[in-house]
Amino acid sequence: MKTIYLAGGCFWGVEKYFSLAKGVIATEVGYANGTMDNPRYEDLKHGLDDAAETVKIDYDDTIISLEKLLELYLRVVDPYSLNQQGGDKGVQYRTGVYYVTIEEKEVITNYLNSHVTGKYQIEIAPLNKFFRAEQYHQAFLNKNPQGYCHINMAKLKKEEMK
């Protein structure tokens, strides 16, 4: 099992989308690479912390590769938008791929540089901090199917789903 951290705007939709992908074992929403320890949603909302709403994705790399996860990611984010995805605006809604190993950094950088033309706004950085979001945010769209989501789940092809 491997883990990658993806920020793509509101974490509700990113979490739901990746939870449906074949090879993804578990997802968890949280706050990555901010200045505070253990921030809460209200801290981000009021500008007290600059963490990104991020999804921790545990995956079986014998079933799905990091490159395939990045392919799925690029289907649902605007890589050129700075601090905004869909209707969500603010530094907490930035796009980012946060890695744990130098090998992951190389894969991420190579993949994005060969699949996104021009200057993209996706932050590529080592994971410095990740704090689990409040329980009500976990699997939010499963509990609230009519909840807000900027991601089109139909971007996941049938053969890519669990």
Foldseek 3Di string as FASTA:
>chain_A
DDKKKKFAFQVLQVQVLVVFFPFWDHKFWWWFDKDDPQDAPVCQVVVVILTATMMITDGDCVTPNPLNVVVLSVLWHDQADAQDGAPGHDSNRGIEIAAADPVSLVVVVVSCPVPPPDDGRYHYYHTPDIDTYDPCSTNVCVVVVPDDDRGDSPSQDPVRGD
